[in-house]
PDB file of N, CA and C in Angstrom:
ATOM      1  N   UNK A   1     -44.044  37.749 -57.739  1.00  0.00           N
ATOM      2  CA  UNK A   1     -43.968  38.811 -58.701  1.00  0.00           C
ATOM      3  C   UNK A   1     -43.021  39.865 -58.160  1.00  0.00           C
ATOM      4  N   UNK A   2     -42.189  40.326 -59.034  1.00  0.00           N
ATOM      5  CA  UNK A   2     -41.292  41.432 -58.704  1.00  0.00           C
ATOM      6  C   UNK A   2     -41.237  42.325 -59.934  1.00  0.00           C
ATOM      7  N   UNK A   3     -41.757  43.531 -59.830  1.00  0.00           N
ATOM      8  CA  UNK A   3     -41.845  44.387 -61.013  1.00  0.00           C
ATOM      9  C   UNK A   3     -40.500  44.650 -61.680  1.00  0.00           C
ATOM     10  N   UNK A   4     -39.409  44.533 -60.945  1.00  0.00           N
ATOM     11  CA  UNK A   4     -38.070  44.777 -61.481  1.00  0.00           C
ATOM     12  C   UNK A   4     -37.473  43.549 -62.157  1.00  0.00           C
ATOM     13  N   UNK A   5     -38.112  42.398 -62.009  1.00  0.00           N
ATOM     14  CA  UNK A   5     -37.568  41.135 -62.514  1.00  0.00           C
ATOM     15  C   UNK A   5     -37.765  41.014 -64.030  1.00  0.00           C
ATOM     16  N   UNK A   6     -36.672  40.884 -64.762  1.00  0.00           N
ATOM     17  CA  UNK A   6     -36.755  40.731 -66.220  1.00  0.00           C
ATOM     18  C   UNK A   6     -37.557  39.490 -66.626  1.00  0.00           C
ATOM     19  N   UNK A   7     -37.355  38.325 -65.984  1.00  0.00           N
ATOM     20  CA  UNK A   7     -38.175  37.170 -66.342  1.00  0.00           C
ATOM     21  C   UNK A   7     -39.671  37.424 -66.106  1.00  0.00           C
ATOM     22  N   UNK A   8     -40.013  38.135 -65.022  1.00  0.00           N
ATOM     23  CA  UNK A   8     -41.427  38.444 -64.784  1.00  0.00           C
ATOM     24  C   UNK A   8     -41.948  39.357 -65.888  1.00  0.00           C
ATOM     25  N   UNK A   9     -41.160  40.319 -66.310  1.00  0.00           N
ATOM     26  CA  UNK A   9     -41.590  41.218 -67.383  1.00  0.00           C
ATOM     27  C   UNK A   9     -41.876  40.431 -68.660  1.00  0.00           C
ATOM     28  N   UNK A  10     -41.097  39.371 -68.906  1.00  0.00           N
ATOM     29  CA  UNK A  10     -41.333  38.524 -70.076  1.00  0.00           C
ATOM     30  C   UNK A  10     -42.620  37.719 -69.946  1.00  0.00           C
ATOM     31  N   UNK A  11     -42.910  37.247 -68.744  1.00  0.00           N
ATOM     32  CA  UNK A  11     -44.074  36.375 -68.532  1.00  0.00           C
ATOM     33  C   UNK A  11     -45.378  37.136 -68.319  1.00  0.00           C
ATOM     34  N   UNK A  12     -45.300  38.366 -67.861  1.00  0.00           N
ATOM     35  CA  UNK A  12     -46.502  39.113 -67.483  1.00  0.00           C
ATOM     36  C   UNK A  12     -47.569  39.151 -68.581  1.00  0.00           C
ATOM     37  N   UNK A  13     -47.250  39.476 -69.841  1.00  0.00           N
ATOM     38  CA  UNK A  13     -48.298  39.490 -70.870  1.00  0.00           C
ATOM     39  C   UNK A  13     -48.966  38.124 -71.059  1.00  0.00           C
ATOM     40  N   UNK A  14     -48.184  37.053 -71.014  1.00  0.00           N
ATOM     41  CA  UNK A  14     -48.748  35.707 -71.174  1.00  0.00           C
ATOM     42  C   UNK A  14     -49.655  35.362 -70.000  1.00  0.00           C
ATOM     43  N   UNK A  15     -49.238  35.717 -68.799  1.00  0.00           N
ATOM     44  CA  UNK A  15     -50.056  35.447 -67.610  1.00  0.00           C
ATOM     45  C   UNK A  15     -51.355  36.238 -67.688  1.00  0.00           C
ATOM     46  N   UNK A  16     -51.284  37.477 -68.107  1.00  0.00           N
ATOM     47  CA  UNK A  16     -52.494  38.294 -68.232  1.00  0.00           C
ATOM     48  C   UNK A  16     -53.441  37.717 -69.276  1.00  0.00           C
ATOM     49  N   UNK A  17     -52.904  37.206 -70.399  1.00  0.00           N
ATOM     50  CA  UNK A  17     -53.751  36.575 -71.415  1.00  0.00           C
ATOM     51  C   UNK A  17     -54.412  35.321 -70.862  1.00  0.00           C
ATOM     52  N   UNK A  18     -53.631  34.488 -70.162  1.00  0.00           N
ATOM     53  CA  UNK A  18     -54.201  33.271 -69.571  1.00  0.00           C
ATOM     54  C   UNK A  18     -55.285  33.626 -68.564  1.00  0.00           C
ATOM     55  N   UNK A  19     -55.031  34.620 -67.741  1.00  0.00           N
ATOM     56  CA  UNK A  19     -55.992  35.023 -66.713  1.00  0.00           C
ATOM     57  C   UNK A  19     -57.286  35.513 -67.343  1.00  0.00           C
ATOM     58  N   UNK A  20     -57.183  36.275 -68.417  1.00  0.00           N
ATOM     59  CA  UNK A  20     -58.396  36.798 -69.043  1.00  0.00           C
ATOM     60  C   UNK A  20     -59.195  35.692 -69.719  1.00  0.00           C
ATOM     61  N   UNK A  21     -58.545  34.583 -70.058  1.00  0.00           N
ATOM     62  CA  UNK A  21     -59.235  33.463 -70.683  1.00  0.00           C
ATOM     63  C   UNK A  21     -59.888  32.503 -69.704  1.00  0.00           C
ATOM     64  N   UNK A  22     -59.630  32.676 -68.421  1.00  0.00           N
ATOM     65  CA  UNK A  22     -60.210  31.793 -67.410  1.00  0.00           C
ATOM     66  C   UNK A  22     -61.539  32.347 -66.920  1.00  0.00           C
ATOM     67  N   UNK A  23     -62.487  31.461 -66.699  1.00  0.00           N
ATOM     68  CA  UNK A  23     -63.745  31.874 -66.088  1.00  0.00           C
ATOM     69  C   UNK A  23     -63.521  32.000 -64.590  1.00  0.00           C
ATOM     70  N   UNK A  24     -64.193  32.942 -63.973  1.00  0.00           N
ATOM     71  CA  UNK A  24     -63.952  33.211 -62.546  1.00  0.00           C
ATOM     72  C   UNK A  24     -64.248  32.005 -61.668  1.00  0.00           C
ATOM     73  N   UNK A  25     -65.169  31.139 -62.086  1.00  0.00           N
ATOM     74  CA  UNK A  25     -65.452  29.954 -61.272  1.00  0.00           C
ATOM     75  C   UNK A  25     -64.405  28.856 -61.467  1.00  0.00           C
ATOM     76  N   UNK A  26     -63.588  28.964 -62.514  1.00  0.00           N
ATOM     77  CA  UNK A  26     -62.537  27.980 -62.764  1.00  0.00           C
ATOM     78  C   UNK A  26     -61.291  28.267 -61.940  1.00  0.00           C
ATOM     79  N   UNK A  27     -60.859  29.512 -61.995  1.00  0.00           N
ATOM     80  CA  UNK A  27     -59.598  29.864 -61.337  1.00  0.00           C
ATOM     81  C   UNK A  27     -59.478  31.371 -61.222  1.00  0.00           C
ATOM     82  N   UNK A  28     -58.597  31.776 -60.363  1.00  0.00           N
ATOM     83  CA  UNK A  28     -58.297  33.194 -60.199  1.00  0.00           C
ATOM     84  C   UNK A  28     -56.785  33.356 -60.180  1.00  0.00           C
ATOM     85  N   UNK A  29     -56.308  34.355 -60.865  1.00  0.00           N
ATOM     86  CA  UNK A  29     -54.876  34.620 -60.910  1.00  0.00           C
ATOM     87  C   UNK A  29     -54.569  35.764 -59.950  1.00  0.00           C
ATOM     88  N   UNK A  30     -53.651  35.505 -59.047  1.00  0.00           N
ATOM     89  CA  UNK A  30     -53.215  36.525 -58.086  1.00  0.00           C
ATOM     90  C   UNK A  30     -51.712  36.687 -58.221  1.00  0.00           C
ATOM     91  N   UNK A  31     -51.268  37.907 -58.217  1.00  0.00           N
ATOM     92  CA  UNK A  31     -49.831  38.152 -58.193  1.00  0.00           C
ATOM     93  C   UNK A  31     -49.476  38.719 -56.828  1.00  0.00           C
ATOM     94  N   UNK A  32     -48.382  38.250 -56.314  1.00  0.00           N
ATOM     95  CA  UNK A  32     -47.952  38.658 -54.977  1.00  0.00           C
ATOM     96  C   UNK A  32     -46.527  39.186 -55.070  1.00  0.00           C
ATOM     97  N   UNK A  33     -46.326  40.368 -54.581  1.00  0.00           N
ATOM     98  CA  UNK A  33     -44.992  40.964 -54.566  1.00  0.00           C
ATOM     99  C   UNK A  33     -44.172  40.339 -53.444  1.00  0.00           C
ATOM    100  N   UNK A  34     -43.115  39.641 -53.824  1.00  0.00           N
ATOM    101  CA  UNK A  34     -42.265  39.041 -52.792  1.00  0.00           C
ATOM    102  C   UNK A  34     -41.457  40.103 -52.059  1.00  0.00           C
ATOM    103  N   UNK A  35     -41.350  41.276 -52.639  1.00  0.00           N
ATOM    104  CA  UNK A  35     -40.691  42.377 -51.933  1.00  0.00           C
ATOM    105  C   UNK A  35     -41.562  42.858 -50.773  1.00  0.00           C
ATOM    106  N   UNK A  36     -42.853  42.967 -51.010  1.00  0.00           N
ATOM    107  CA  UNK A  36     -43.769  43.459 -49.974  1.00  0.00           C
ATOM    108  C   UNK A  36     -44.207  42.357 -49.025  1.00  0.00           C
ATOM    109  N   UNK A  37     -44.367  41.141 -49.541  1.00  0.00           N
ATOM    110  CA  UNK A  37     -44.887  40.032 -48.734  1.00  0.00           C
ATOM    111  C   UNK A  37     -43.859  38.903 -48.688  1.00  0.00           C
ATOM    112  N   UNK A  38     -42.671  39.224 -48.184  1.00  0.00           N
ATOM    113  CA  UNK A  38     -41.582  38.245 -48.209  1.00  0.00           C
ATOM    114  C   UNK A  38     -41.864  37.028 -47.337  1.00  0.00           C
ATOM    115  N   UNK A  39     -42.645  37.177 -46.283  1.00  0.00           N
ATOM    116  CA  UNK A  39     -42.989  36.028 -45.439  1.00  0.00           C
ATOM    117  C   UNK A  39     -43.832  35.019 -46.230  1.00  0.00           C
ATOM    118  N   UNK A  40     -44.759  35.515 -47.035  1.00  0.00           N
ATOM    119  CA  UNK A  40     -45.573  34.634 -47.870  1.00  0.00           C
ATOM    120  C   UNK A  40     -44.696  33.949 -48.915  1.00  0.00           C
ATOM    121  N   UNK A  41     -43.749  34.675 -49.463  1.00  0.00           N
ATOM    122  CA  UNK A  41     -42.806  34.073 -50.406  1.00  0.00           C
ATOM    123  C   UNK A  41     -42.032  32.934 -49.778  1.00  0.00           C
ATOM    124  N   UNK A  42     -41.617  33.115 -48.539  1.00  0.00           N
ATOM    125  CA  UNK A  42     -40.909  32.033 -47.831  1.00  0.00           C
ATOM    126  C   UNK A  42     -41.848  30.864 -47.557  1.00  0.00           C
ATOM    127  N   UNK A  43     -43.074  31.163 -47.154  1.00  0.00           N
ATOM    128  CA  UNK A  43     -44.056  30.115 -46.874  1.00  0.00           C
ATOM    129  C   UNK A  43     -44.325  29.265 -48.122  1.00  0.00           C
ATOM    130  N   UNK A  44     -44.392  29.928 -49.272  1.00  0.00           N
ATOM    131  CA  UNK A  44     -44.641  29.224 -50.533  1.00  0.00           C
ATOM    132  C   UNK A  44     -43.355  28.703 -51.179  1.00  0.00           C
ATOM    133  N   UNK A  45     -42.224  28.868 -50.482  1.00  0.00           N
ATOM    134  CA  UNK A  45     -40.922  28.390 -50.936  1.00  0.00           C
ATOM    135  C   UNK A  45     -40.514  28.980 -52.291  1.00  0.00           C
ATOM    136  N   UNK A  46     -40.725  30.270 -52.437  1.00  0.00           N
ATOM    137  CA  UNK A  46     -40.305  30.966 -53.651  1.00  0.00           C
ATOM    138  C   UNK A  46     -38.808  31.235 -53.531  1.00  0.00           C
ATOM    139  N   UNK A  47     -38.044  30.579 -54.402  1.00  0.00           N
ATOM    140  CA  UNK A  47     -36.588  30.725 -54.377  1.00  0.00           C
ATOM    141  C   UNK A  47     -36.051  31.363 -55.645  1.00  0.00           C
ATOM    142  N   UNK A  48     -36.894  31.459 -56.670  1.00  0.00           N
ATOM    143  CA  UNK A  48     -36.493  32.070 -57.933  1.00  0.00           C
ATOM    144  C   UNK A  48     -37.705  32.792 -58.509  1.00  0.00           C
ATOM    145  N   UNK A  49     -37.421  33.753 -59.375  1.00  0.00           N
ATOM    146  CA  UNK A  49     -38.503  34.523 -59.986  1.00  0.00           C
ATOM    147  C   UNK A  49     -38.472  34.340 -61.489  1.00  0.00           C
ATOM    148  N   UNK A  50     -39.624  34.203 -62.099  1.00  0.00           N
ATOM    149  CA  UNK A  50     -40.922  34.082 -61.460  1.00  0.00           C
ATOM    150  C   UNK A  50     -41.181  32.654 -60.995  1.00  0.00           C
ATOM    151  N   UNK A  51     -41.966  32.528 -59.953  1.00  0.00           N
ATOM    152  CA  UNK A  51     -42.460  31.238 -59.478  1.00  0.00           C
ATOM    153  C   UNK A  51     -43.978  31.306 -59.481  1.00  0.00           C
ATOM    154  N   UNK A  52     -44.596  30.323 -60.097  1.00  0.00           N
ATOM    155  CA  UNK A  52     -46.053  30.243 -60.160  1.00  0.00           C
ATOM    156  C   UNK A  52     -46.485  29.064 -59.308  1.00  0.00           C
ATOM    157  N   UNK A  53     -47.353  29.312 -58.355  1.00  0.00           N
ATOM    158  CA  UNK A  53     -47.852  28.268 -57.467  1.00  0.00           C
ATOM    159  C   UNK A  53     -49.343  28.128 -57.734  1.00  0.00           C
ATOM    160  N   UNK A  54     -49.760  26.927 -58.133  1.00  0.00           N
ATOM    161  CA  UNK A  54     -51.174  26.676 -58.359  1.00  0.00           C
ATOM    162  C   UNK A  54     -51.755  26.087 -57.089  1.00  0.00           C
ATOM    163  N   UNK A  55     -52.777  26.729 -56.582  1.00  0.00           N
ATOM    164  CA  UNK A  55     -53.403  26.328 -55.326  1.00  0.00           C
ATOM    165  C   UNK A  55     -54.813  25.852 -55.630  1.00  0.00           C
ATOM    166  N   UNK A  56     -55.135  24.678 -55.118  1.00  0.00           N
ATOM    167  CA  UNK A  56     -56.470  24.109 -55.306  1.00  0.00           C
ATOM    168  C   UNK A  56     -56.938  23.587 -53.963  1.00  0.00           C
ATOM    169  N   UNK A  57     -58.112  24.021 -53.570  1.00  0.00           N
ATOM    170  CA  UNK A  57     -58.673  23.617 -52.271  1.00  0.00           C
ATOM    171  C   UNK A  57     -57.675  23.864 -51.136  1.00  0.00           C
ATOM    172  N   UNK A  58     -57.075  25.030 -51.152  1.00  0.00           N
ATOM    173  CA  UNK A  58     -56.162  25.488 -50.097  1.00  0.00           C
ATOM    174  C   UNK A  58     -54.841  24.719 -50.042  1.00  0.00           C
ATOM    175  N   UNK A  59     -54.498  23.977 -51.107  1.00  0.00           N
ATOM    176  CA  UNK A  59     -53.227  23.240 -51.154  1.00  0.00           C
ATOM    177  C   UNK A  59     -52.481  23.590 -52.429  1.00  0.00           C
ATOM    178  N   UNK A  60     -51.188  23.727 -52.321  1.00  0.00           N
ATOM    179  CA  UNK A  60     -50.371  23.925 -53.515  1.00  0.00           C
ATOM    180  C   UNK A  60     -50.322  22.600 -54.270  1.00  0.00           C
ATOM    181  N   UNK A  61     -50.799  22.599 -55.510  1.00  0.00           N
ATOM    182  CA  UNK A  61     -50.856  21.363 -56.291  1.00  0.00           C
ATOM    183  C   UNK A  61     -49.821  21.335 -57.417  1.00  0.00           C
ATOM    184  N   UNK A  62     -49.261  22.489 -57.744  1.00  0.00           N
ATOM    185  CA  UNK A  62     -48.248  22.530 -58.802  1.00  0.00           C
ATOM    186  C   UNK A  62     -47.397  23.778 -58.632  1.00  0.00           C
ATOM    187  N   UNK A  63     -46.205  23.693 -59.175  1.00  0.00           N
ATOM    188  CA  UNK A  63     -45.267  24.815 -59.100  1.00  0.00           C
ATOM    189  C   UNK A  63     -44.522  24.867 -60.435  1.00  0.00           C
ATOM    190  N   UNK A  64     -44.473  26.046 -61.008  1.00  0.00           N
ATOM    191  CA  UNK A  64     -43.722  26.264 -62.243  1.00  0.00           C
ATOM    192  C   UNK A  64     -42.745  27.397 -61.962  1.00  0.00           C
ATOM    193  N   UNK A  65     -41.480  27.132 -62.184  1.00  0.00           N
ATOM    194  CA  UNK A  65     -40.443  28.126 -61.914  1.00  0.00           C
ATOM    195  C   UNK A  65     -39.804  28.526 -63.236  1.00  0.00           C
ATOM    196  N   UNK A  66     -39.684  29.820 -63.431  1.00  0.00           N
ATOM    197  CA  UNK A  66     -38.998  30.322 -64.610  1.00  0.00           C
ATOM    198  C   UNK A  66     -39.937  30.747 -65.716  1.00  0.00           C
ATOM    199  N   UNK A  67     -39.327  31.060 -66.835  1.00  0.00           N
ATOM    200  CA  UNK A  67     -40.053  31.595 -67.979  1.00  0.00           C
ATOM    201  C   UNK A  67     -40.364  30.451 -68.932  1.00  0.00           C
ATOM    202  N   UNK A  68     -41.428  29.709 -68.631  1.00  0.00           N
ATOM    203  CA  UNK A  68     -41.835  28.616 -69.501  1.00  0.00           C
ATOM    204  C   UNK A  68     -43.350  28.639 -69.624  1.00  0.00           C
ATOM    205  N   UNK A  69     -43.823  29.338 -70.642  1.00  0.00           N
ATOM    206  CA  UNK A  69     -45.265  29.495 -70.848  1.00  0.00           C
ATOM    207  C   UNK A  69     -45.958  28.152 -71.040  1.00  0.00           C
ATOM    208  N   UNK A  70     -45.318  27.239 -71.776  1.00  0.00           N
ATOM    209  CA  UNK A  70     -45.939  25.940 -72.046  1.00  0.00           C
ATOM    210  C   UNK A  70     -46.133  25.140 -70.762  1.00  0.00           C
ATOM    211  N   UNK A  71     -45.122  25.119 -69.893  1.00  0.00           N
ATOM    212  CA  UNK A  71     -45.258  24.408 -68.613  1.00  0.00           C
ATOM    213  C   UNK A  71     -46.358  25.017 -67.762  1.00  0.00           C
ATOM    214  N   UNK A  72     -46.419  26.337 -67.729  1.00  0.00           N
ATOM    215  CA  UNK A  72     -47.448  27.010 -66.937  1.00  0.00           C
ATOM    216  C   UNK A  72     -48.830  26.681 -67.477  1.00  0.00           C
ATOM    217  N   UNK A  73     -48.991  26.773 -68.779  1.00  0.00           N
ATOM    218  CA  UNK A  73     -50.286  26.482 -69.400  1.00  0.00           C
ATOM    219  C   UNK A  73     -50.684  25.031 -69.162  1.00  0.00           C
ATOM    220  N   UNK A  74     -49.756  24.103 -69.297  1.00  0.00           N
ATOM    221  CA  UNK A  74     -50.044  22.679 -69.063  1.00  0.00           C
ATOM    222  C   UNK A  74     -50.461  22.429 -67.622  1.00  0.00           C
ATOM    223  N   UNK A  75     -49.785  23.059 -66.685  1.00  0.00           N
ATOM    224  CA  UNK A  75     -50.130  22.881 -65.267  1.00  0.00           C
ATOM    225  C   UNK A  75     -51.520  23.412 -64.970  1.00  0.00           C
ATOM    226  N   UNK A  76     -51.840  24.560 -65.536  1.00  0.00           N
ATOM    227  CA  UNK A  76     -53.181  25.124 -65.325  1.00  0.00           C
ATOM    228  C   UNK A  76     -54.228  24.193 -65.907  1.00  0.00           C
ATOM    229  N   UNK A  77     -54.030  23.750 -67.148  1.00  0.00           N
ATOM    230  CA  UNK A  77     -54.994  22.843 -67.784  1.00  0.00           C
ATOM    231  C   UNK A  77     -55.167  21.557 -66.983  1.00  0.00           C
ATOM    232  N   UNK A  78     -54.081  21.020 -66.487  1.00  0.00           N
ATOM    233  CA  UNK A  78     -54.123  19.761 -65.738  1.00  0.00           C
ATOM    234  C   UNK A  78     -54.944  19.879 -64.458  1.00  0.00           C
ATOM    235  N   UNK A  79     -54.886  21.031 -63.800  1.00  0.00           N
ATOM    236  CA  UNK A  79     -55.508  21.160 -62.485  1.00  0.00           C
ATOM    237  C   UNK A  79     -56.860  21.864 -62.489  1.00  0.00           C
ATOM    238  N   UNK A  80     -57.362  22.234 -63.658  1.00  0.00           N
ATOM    239  CA  UNK A  80     -58.700  22.844 -63.700  1.00  0.00           C
ATOM    240  C   UNK A  80     -59.770  21.791 -63.596  1.00  0.00           C
TER     241      UNK A  80
END
């Protein structure tokens, strides 16, 4: 997440809607500022913004890069 990123600004409302629709025992949505936590961004191989990394049981199971709500929603549904 980068508050200055235009693609993130486009995706933020959709991500917030998806997050509010998830039950806490199903999943949790976390946003991480790559400006503040650049080491974590490198660890997660964030090379473009926005990048969504789905983590399940401490492993990255999916990655969605860019402004594609349908891909993000499909990945979340697949891994719940």
